[in-house]
Amino acid sequence: MTAAIIGAVVGLAIGIADFVVLGAAARNSAGSRGGPLKIIRMMSLVVFPIVGWFVGPIVASSLSTSSLGG
């Protein structure tokens, strides 16, 4: 597995957790309309894996043994 794929999977896991938490928040706030929150929930499932795809290789290269002096 490449660092990009690992980053995307981690981003997807964070996105799913965010989706669940925002869903619970939407259920608890019965007085407000859920339209914008629903869009934000869906965007988190898309944005976090994309960000993870690009951040994964950056983090992996910074953690490599050559950059740690060894």
PDB file of N, CA and C in Angstrom:
ATOM      1  N   MET A   1       0.837  -1.186   0.000  1.00  0.00           N
ATOM      2  CA  MET A   1       0.000   0.000   0.000  1.00  0.00           C
ATOM      3  C   MET A   1       0.877   1.243   0.000  1.00  0.00           C
ATOM      4  N   THR A   2       0.494   2.181  -0.808  1.00  0.00           N
ATOM      5  CA  THR A   2       1.258   3.418  -0.838  1.00  0.00           C
ATOM      6  C   THR A   2       0.788   4.350   0.266  1.00  0.00           C
ATOM      7  N   ALA A   3       1.593   5.350   0.524  1.00  0.00           N
ATOM      8  CA  ALA A   3       1.255   6.314   1.565  1.00  0.00           C
ATOM      9  C   ALA A   3       0.003   7.103   1.201  1.00  0.00           C
ATOM     10  N   ALA A   4      -0.211   7.326  -0.091  1.00  0.00           N
ATOM     11  CA  ALA A   4      -1.394   8.065  -0.524  1.00  0.00           C
ATOM     12  C   ALA A   4      -2.668   7.280  -0.222  1.00  0.00           C
ATOM     13  N   ILE A   5      -2.641   5.977  -0.464  1.00  0.00           N
ATOM     14  CA  ILE A   5      -3.824   5.160  -0.193  1.00  0.00           C
ATOM     15  C   ILE A   5      -4.081   5.071   1.302  1.00  0.00           C
ATOM     16  N   ILE A   6      -3.036   4.916   2.084  1.00  0.00           N
ATOM     17  CA  ILE A   6      -3.195   4.878   3.537  1.00  0.00           C
ATOM     18  C   ILE A   6      -3.769   6.194   4.038  1.00  0.00           C
ATOM     19  N   GLY A   7      -3.279   7.311   3.509  1.00  0.00           N
ATOM     20  CA  GLY A   7      -3.818   8.609   3.894  1.00  0.00           C
ATOM     21  C   GLY A   7      -5.280   8.767   3.525  1.00  0.00           C
ATOM     22  N   ALA A   8      -5.661   8.248   2.358  1.00  0.00           N
ATOM     23  CA  ALA A   8      -7.062   8.328   1.940  1.00  0.00           C
ATOM     24  C   ALA A   8      -7.954   7.475   2.839  1.00  0.00           C
ATOM     25  N   VAL A   9      -7.465   6.305   3.236  1.00  0.00           N
ATOM     26  CA  VAL A   9      -8.254   5.430   4.115  1.00  0.00           C
ATOM     27  C   VAL A   9      -8.421   6.069   5.491  1.00  0.00           C
ATOM     28  N   VAL A  10      -7.348   6.651   6.004  1.00  0.00           N
ATOM     29  CA  VAL A  10      -7.440   7.342   7.289  1.00  0.00           C
ATOM     30  C   VAL A  10      -8.386   8.541   7.171  1.00  0.00           C
ATOM     31  N   GLY A  11      -8.299   9.269   6.069  1.00  0.00           N
ATOM     32  CA  GLY A  11      -9.204  10.386   5.845  1.00  0.00           C
ATOM     33  C   GLY A  11     -10.649   9.938   5.752  1.00  0.00           C
ATOM     34  N   LEU A  12     -10.889   8.795   5.116  1.00  0.00           N
ATOM     35  CA  LEU A  12     -12.246   8.268   5.038  1.00  0.00           C
ATOM     36  C   LEU A  12     -12.769   7.883   6.413  1.00  0.00           C
ATOM     37  N   ALA A  13     -11.916   7.297   7.244  1.00  0.00           N
ATOM     38  CA  ALA A  13     -12.324   6.940   8.601  1.00  0.00           C
ATOM     39  C   ALA A  13     -12.687   8.188   9.402  1.00  0.00           C
ATOM     40  N   ILE A  14     -11.894   9.235   9.259  1.00  0.00           N
ATOM     41  CA  ILE A  14     -12.200  10.490   9.946  1.00  0.00           C
ATOM     42  C   ILE A  14     -13.478  11.101   9.386  1.00  0.00           C
ATOM     43  N   GLY A  15     -13.666  11.007   8.076  1.00  0.00           N
ATOM     44  CA  GLY A  15     -14.880  11.526   7.458  1.00  0.00           C
ATOM     45  C   GLY A  15     -16.124  10.794   7.930  1.00  0.00           C
ATOM     46  N   ILE A  16     -16.041   9.481   8.076  1.00  0.00           N
ATOM     47  CA  ILE A  16     -17.181   8.705   8.573  1.00  0.00           C
ATOM     48  C   ILE A  16     -17.492   9.073  10.018  1.00  0.00           C
ATOM     49  N   ALA A  17     -16.455   9.238  10.834  1.00  0.00           N
ATOM     50  CA  ALA A  17     -16.679   9.653  12.225  1.00  0.00           C
ATOM     51  C   ALA A  17     -17.323  11.038  12.273  1.00  0.00           C
ATOM     52  N   ASP A  18     -16.862  11.945  11.429  1.00  0.00           N
ATOM     53  CA  ASP A  18     -17.441  13.282  11.367  1.00  0.00           C
ATOM     54  C   ASP A  18     -18.892  13.219  10.904  1.00  0.00           C
ATOM     55  N   PHE A  19     -19.186  12.352   9.940  1.00  0.00           N
ATOM     56  CA  PHE A  19     -20.538  12.167   9.432  1.00  0.00           C
ATOM     57  C   PHE A  19     -21.478  11.717  10.548  1.00  0.00           C
ATOM     58  N   VAL A  20     -21.014  10.778  11.364  1.00  0.00           N
ATOM     59  CA  VAL A  20     -21.830  10.255  12.457  1.00  0.00           C
ATOM     60  C   VAL A  20     -22.044  11.319  13.534  1.00  0.00           C
ATOM     61  N   VAL A  21     -20.982  12.031  13.887  1.00  0.00           N
ATOM     62  CA  VAL A  21     -21.096  13.054  14.933  1.00  0.00           C
ATOM     63  C   VAL A  21     -22.011  14.192  14.496  1.00  0.00           C
ATOM     64  N   LEU A  22     -21.864  14.632  13.260  1.00  0.00           N
ATOM     65  CA  LEU A  22     -22.740  15.698  12.776  1.00  0.00           C
ATOM     66  C   LEU A  22     -24.176  15.226  12.636  1.00  0.00           C
ATOM     67  N   GLY A  23     -24.380  13.955  12.339  1.00  0.00           N
ATOM     68  CA  GLY A  23     -25.734  13.403  12.299  1.00  0.00           C
ATOM     69  C   GLY A  23     -26.379  13.407  13.669  1.00  0.00           C
ATOM     70  N   ALA A  24     -25.601  13.070  14.689  1.00  0.00           N
ATOM     71  CA  ALA A  24     -26.128  13.115  16.053  1.00  0.00           C
ATOM     72  C   ALA A  24     -26.443  14.548  16.463  1.00  0.00           C
ATOM     73  N   ALA A  25     -25.609  15.483  16.044  1.00  0.00           N
ATOM     74  CA  ALA A  25     -25.865  16.891  16.359  1.00  0.00           C
ATOM     75  C   ALA A  25     -27.117  17.386  15.646  1.00  0.00           C
ATOM     76  N   ALA A  26     -27.357  16.918  14.430  1.00  0.00           N
ATOM     77  CA  ALA A  26     -28.549  17.327  13.684  1.00  0.00           C
ATOM     78  C   ALA A  26     -29.810  16.776  14.334  1.00  0.00           C
ATOM     79  N   ARG A  27     -29.739  15.572  14.862  1.00  0.00           N
ATOM     80  CA  ARG A  27     -30.911  14.994  15.527  1.00  0.00           C
ATOM     81  C   ARG A  27     -31.215  15.704  16.836  1.00  0.00           C
ATOM     82  N   ASN A  28     -30.177  16.165  17.537  1.00  0.00           N
ATOM     83  CA  ASN A  28     -30.386  16.827  18.816  1.00  0.00           C
ATOM     84  C   ASN A  28     -30.931  18.239  18.665  1.00  0.00           C
ATOM     85  N   SER A  29     -30.634  18.899  17.569  1.00  0.00           N
ATOM     86  CA  SER A  29     -31.139  20.257  17.355  1.00  0.00           C
ATOM     87  C   SER A  29     -32.385  20.195  16.477  1.00  0.00           C
ATOM     88  N   ALA A  30     -33.498  19.850  17.080  1.00  0.00           N
ATOM     89  CA  ALA A  30     -34.744  19.638  16.335  1.00  0.00           C
ATOM     90  C   ALA A  30     -35.321  20.942  15.800  1.00  0.00           C
ATOM     91  N   GLY A  31     -34.979  22.068  16.376  1.00  0.00           N
ATOM     92  CA  GLY A  31     -35.559  23.337  15.962  1.00  0.00           C
ATOM     93  C   GLY A  31     -34.989  23.888  14.669  1.00  0.00           C
ATOM     94  N   SER A  32     -33.770  23.497  14.302  1.00  0.00           N
ATOM     95  CA  SER A  32     -33.145  24.067  13.111  1.00  0.00           C
ATOM     96  C   SER A  32     -33.403  23.192  11.901  1.00  0.00           C
ATOM     97  N   ARG A  33     -33.280  23.795  10.738  1.00  0.00           N
ATOM     98  CA  ARG A  33     -33.419  23.045   9.497  1.00  0.00           C
ATOM     99  C   ARG A  33     -32.110  22.333   9.207  1.00  0.00           C
ATOM    100  N   GLY A  34     -32.188  21.132   8.685  1.00  0.00           N
ATOM    101  CA  GLY A  34     -30.996  20.313   8.502  1.00  0.00           C
ATOM    102  C   GLY A  34     -30.380  20.377   7.131  1.00  0.00           C
ATOM    103  N   GLY A  35     -30.815  21.275   6.258  1.00  0.00           N
ATOM    104  CA  GLY A  35     -30.294  21.329   4.902  1.00  0.00           C
ATOM    105  C   GLY A  35     -28.808  21.604   4.817  1.00  0.00           C
ATOM    106  N   PRO A  36     -28.340  22.707   5.383  1.00  0.00           N
ATOM    107  CA  PRO A  36     -26.893  22.987   5.312  1.00  0.00           C
ATOM    108  C   PRO A  36     -26.047  21.943   6.041  1.00  0.00           C
ATOM    109  N   LEU A  37     -26.551  21.448   7.144  1.00  0.00           N
ATOM    110  CA  LEU A  37     -25.794  20.441   7.892  1.00  0.00           C
ATOM    111  C   LEU A  37     -25.700  19.140   7.109  1.00  0.00           C
ATOM    112  N   LYS A  38     -26.735  18.815   6.356  1.00  0.00           N
ATOM    113  CA  LYS A  38     -26.719  17.613   5.528  1.00  0.00           C
ATOM    114  C   LYS A  38     -25.665  17.731   4.423  1.00  0.00           C
ATOM    115  N   ILE A  39     -25.544  18.919   3.853  1.00  0.00           N
ATOM    116  CA  ILE A  39     -24.528  19.150   2.819  1.00  0.00           C
ATOM    117  C   ILE A  39     -23.128  19.040   3.417  1.00  0.00           C
ATOM    118  N   ILE A  40     -22.942  19.614   4.588  1.00  0.00           N
ATOM    119  CA  ILE A  40     -21.639  19.548   5.256  1.00  0.00           C
ATOM    120  C   ILE A  40     -21.285  18.106   5.593  1.00  0.00           C
ATOM    121  N   ARG A  41     -22.271  17.318   6.032  1.00  0.00           N
ATOM    122  CA  ARG A  41     -22.022  15.910   6.339  1.00  0.00           C
ATOM    123  C   ARG A  41     -21.552  15.161   5.102  1.00  0.00           C
ATOM    124  N   MET A  42     -22.194  15.396   3.968  1.00  0.00           N
ATOM    125  CA  MET A  42     -21.808  14.705   2.732  1.00  0.00           C
ATOM    126  C   MET A  42     -20.435  15.168   2.250  1.00  0.00           C
ATOM    127  N   MET A  43     -20.154  16.448   2.401  1.00  0.00           N
ATOM    128  CA  MET A  43     -18.857  16.973   1.971  1.00  0.00           C
ATOM    129  C   MET A  43     -17.716  16.383   2.789  1.00  0.00           C
ATOM    130  N   SER A  44     -17.956  16.083   4.063  1.00  0.00           N
ATOM    131  CA  SER A  44     -16.890  15.507   4.887  1.00  0.00           C
ATOM    132  C   SER A  44     -16.492  14.119   4.385  1.00  0.00           C
ATOM    133  N   LEU A  45     -17.437  13.395   3.786  1.00  0.00           N
ATOM    134  CA  LEU A  45     -17.107  12.075   3.236  1.00  0.00           C
ATOM    135  C   LEU A  45     -16.276  12.175   1.965  1.00  0.00           C
ATOM    136  N   VAL A  46     -16.294  13.338   1.333  1.00  0.00           N
ATOM    137  CA  VAL A  46     -15.541  13.533   0.098  1.00  0.00           C
ATOM    138  C   VAL A  46     -14.212  14.243   0.367  1.00  0.00           C
ATOM    139  N   VAL A  47     -14.259  15.270   1.205  1.00  0.00           N
ATOM    140  CA  VAL A  47     -13.093  16.136   1.409  1.00  0.00           C
ATOM    141  C   VAL A  47     -11.991  15.434   2.215  1.00  0.00           C
ATOM    142  N   PHE A  48     -12.349  14.745   3.288  1.00  0.00           N
ATOM    143  CA  PHE A  48     -11.326  14.138   4.136  1.00  0.00           C
ATOM    144  C   PHE A  48     -10.481  13.089   3.405  1.00  0.00           C
ATOM    145  N   PRO A  49     -11.073  12.189   2.600  1.00  0.00           N
ATOM    146  CA  PRO A  49     -10.201  11.264   1.856  1.00  0.00           C
ATOM    147  C   PRO A  49      -9.312  11.950   0.828  1.00  0.00           C
ATOM    148  N   ILE A  50      -9.796  13.020   0.199  1.00  0.00           N
ATOM    149  CA  ILE A  50      -8.963  13.746  -0.768  1.00  0.00           C
ATOM    150  C   ILE A  50      -7.794  14.410  -0.062  1.00  0.00           C
ATOM    151  N   VAL A  51      -8.065  15.033   1.064  1.00  0.00           N
ATOM    152  CA  VAL A  51      -6.988  15.659   1.830  1.00  0.00           C
ATOM    153  C   VAL A  51      -6.005  14.594   2.316  1.00  0.00           C
ATOM    154  N   GLY A  52      -6.522  13.454   2.768  1.00  0.00           N
ATOM    155  CA  GLY A  52      -5.655  12.369   3.225  1.00  0.00           C
ATOM    156  C   GLY A  52      -4.783  11.834   2.117  1.00  0.00           C
ATOM    157  N   TRP A  53      -5.298  11.811   0.881  1.00  0.00           N
ATOM    158  CA  TRP A  53      -4.526  11.340  -0.271  1.00  0.00           C
ATOM    159  C   TRP A  53      -3.271  12.192  -0.468  1.00  0.00           C
ATOM    160  N   PHE A  54      -3.394  13.500  -0.255  1.00  0.00           N
ATOM    161  CA  PHE A  54      -2.259  14.392  -0.457  1.00  0.00           C
ATOM    162  C   PHE A  54      -1.383  14.534   0.788  1.00  0.00           C
ATOM    163  N   VAL A  55      -1.971  14.422   1.964  1.00  0.00           N
ATOM    164  CA  VAL A  55      -1.206  14.596   3.199  1.00  0.00           C
ATOM    165  C   VAL A  55      -0.446  13.319   3.566  1.00  0.00           C
ATOM    166  N   GLY A  56      -0.976  12.155   3.200  1.00  0.00           N
ATOM    167  CA  GLY A  56      -0.326  10.886   3.536  1.00  0.00           C
ATOM    168  C   GLY A  56       1.118  10.800   3.090  1.00  0.00           C
ATOM    169  N   PRO A  57       1.433  11.087   1.823  1.00  0.00           N
ATOM    170  CA  PRO A  57       2.840  11.030   1.402  1.00  0.00           C
ATOM    171  C   PRO A  57       3.729  12.067   2.089  1.00  0.00           C
ATOM    172  N   ILE A  58       3.165  13.214   2.406  1.00  0.00           N
ATOM    173  CA  ILE A  58       3.950  14.241   3.100  1.00  0.00           C
ATOM    174  C   ILE A  58       4.329  13.757   4.492  1.00  0.00           C
ATOM    175  N   VAL A  59       3.365  13.185   5.196  1.00  0.00           N
ATOM    176  CA  VAL A  59       3.641  12.667   6.540  1.00  0.00           C
ATOM    177  C   VAL A  59       4.602  11.482   6.463  1.00  0.00           C
ATOM    178  N   ALA A  60       4.410  10.612   5.491  1.00  0.00           N
ATOM    179  CA  ALA A  60       5.292   9.438   5.364  1.00  0.00           C
ATOM    180  C   ALA A  60       6.720   9.853   5.043  1.00  0.00           C
ATOM    181  N   SER A  61       6.884  10.864   4.215  1.00  0.00           N
ATOM    182  CA  SER A  61       8.257  11.288   3.901  1.00  0.00           C
ATOM    183  C   SER A  61       8.904  11.992   5.085  1.00  0.00           C
ATOM    184  N   SER A  62       8.117  12.642   5.907  1.00  0.00           N
ATOM    185  CA  SER A  62       8.703  13.307   7.066  1.00  0.00           C
ATOM    186  C   SER A  62       9.039  12.303   8.168  1.00  0.00           C
ATOM    187  N   LEU A  63       8.418  11.130   8.116  1.00  0.00           N
ATOM    188  CA  LEU A  63       8.685  10.096   9.126  1.00  0.00           C
ATOM    189  C   LEU A  63       9.720   9.073   8.666  1.00  0.00           C
ATOM    190  N   SER A  64      10.228   9.228   7.459  1.00  0.00           N
ATOM    191  CA  SER A  64      11.192   8.246   6.964  1.00  0.00           C
ATOM    192  C   SER A  64      12.496   8.331   7.762  1.00  0.00           C
ATOM    193  N   THR A  65      13.245   7.268   7.752  1.00  0.00           N
ATOM    194  CA  THR A  65      14.474   7.223   8.576  1.00  0.00           C
ATOM    195  C   THR A  65      15.537   8.160   8.048  1.00  0.00           C
ATOM    196  N   SER A  66      15.513   8.489   6.762  1.00  0.00           N
ATOM    197  CA  SER A  66      16.539   9.379   6.238  1.00  0.00           C
ATOM    198  C   SER A  66      16.353  10.807   6.756  1.00  0.00           C
ATOM    199  N   SER A  67      15.116  11.204   7.013  1.00  0.00           N
ATOM    200  CA  SER A  67      14.911  12.564   7.508  1.00  0.00           C
ATOM    201  C   SER A  67      15.116  12.646   9.021  1.00  0.00           C
ATOM    202  N   LEU A  68      15.184  11.482   9.703  1.00  0.00           N
ATOM    203  CA  LEU A  68      15.394  11.502  11.133  1.00  0.00           C
ATOM    204  C   LEU A  68      16.878  11.409  11.495  1.00  0.00           C
ATOM    205  N   GLY A  69      17.726  11.378  10.491  1.00  0.00           N
ATOM    206  CA  GLY A  69      19.162  11.368  10.748  1.00  0.00           C
ATOM    207  C   GLY A  69      19.732   9.960  10.927  1.00  0.00           C
ATOM    208  N   GLY A  70      18.949   8.940  10.586  1.00  0.00           N
ATOM    209  CA  GLY A  70      19.460   7.593  10.815  1.00  0.00           C
ATOM    210  C   GLY A  70      19.640   6.773   9.632  1.00  0.00           C
TER     211      GLY A  70
END
